[in-house]
């Protein structure tokens, strides 16, 4: 029987207290070279949770890659309990091509759990799932909004499994959204295995958003303390009010034209006030855009030109949106002004 104190990922075996880097091949390229992704392993001397932090499942989502890079570069705790596993770029072919999807235009986050004999994407998903993700107890998957959209820092998780809501709440994101996982997603497969798994969404694709990076690093720090992987802070921890939202919907353009947002991310929205305007490019006519329900704006399009029916604002339903807005503002102020650096050298400062 294998020693339960050993952690094996690919050809490497790590004992408690060891650290290292593993490259895992999943296929051969058209240049006859190995296609690989890399994994950093930090093992504590004491037993505990095994947290996976992964990024770059979509190749154009840079914020998560920077969060993972800083996490690895700055991690220095010698009193770690459990294990920290970090995969900075899962979808290496897409990242190298500076595009969201795999070269065959497939979405890696719809190919899990993958296949050992499928396409490059299916093989990547299979190796990542079997060699890395399935060995961990908890997962934070780092993402941004899709092309031409921006997201408020937020966590998405399925509230129904026991412990998931507390796990997500410990992160301290401005908003936590109760969200079922799409079929074939990494989060969905891991949730089905009973592993608390959350997606952190923040910022826009192909941009580096430092507030989003700081939120992410601060949240990972909070989660590790919540799981007992790191010792509690000596100073009194700041309480960040998180808005827990059960549902959300996209507010769509009532007509086509030139779009202008009137309300920024993180603000309250209600059916009484317009959040945007769509202007007729041939006249002075402007059509106001009103929400269908009260909530918080957690995402929006960056497109200045829209067709009728295009998604404009992603709104998370909240019965007291005004109070939630105040909590989000306080959370931003606390995180972005925080100068605590342990256990990461630059977890909240640029």
Foldseek 3Di string as FASTA:
>chain_A
DDDPQWADFPPDIDGAQDKDKDWDFQDADPVRDTDTFMKIKGHHNAAFFEEEEEEALFQQFVLSLVLLVLCVVFFDDNHFHHMYMYTSHLQVQRVVVNGGDHPVRDRLQQQPCADSPDDSSSSSNVSCVPRPVVVGQAYEYEGEDEAQKFFQWEKEFAPPQPPLVVLRVLLQGLEYEHDADDHSGPRNVVVVVVHRYMYTYGTYTNDHDQLSSLSRLSSVVSSCCVRVRDPDDPDDDDHQDHHYFYDKDFFWAQAWAFKDADDDALAKFAQVDFGIWGAHPVDRDIDTGHDPHIFGFGMAGNDRTDGGGHGGTMGGHDPCRHVSSVSNVVSSVCRQVDDDQPPGNCSRHD
